[in-house]
């Protein structure tokens, strides 16, 4: 999977968006999201203190720290997602699938 995922983060962008994420974490909007106690990805009910802030499109991949790109998720889902988008993570879980949807075993050498 990782052979087709390119991560070339601009350090200035990452620094700027991490700072915006810290500010957003202190907002009433984020407190309302976390107070529901539900992971965006797996749907499990967890204590609000155990939810983490996740960027749907990772900052390292050009994502922004805006309410439309940030969701609360449990630590397990956040750690499993890493720098992948949710679609890439699902493909990775399916195993052997590529970004084009063609199985690696189907490609003739």
Foldseek 3Di string as FASTA:
>chain_A
DVVPDDFDADVVQLVVQVVVLVVVCPDPVVVVQLCQQAAPPPRDRHHSVQWDKDFLQDSRNVTHNDPVGIHTHGPVVRVQCDNHHPVVSVQVVVPQADPVRDGPVPDDD
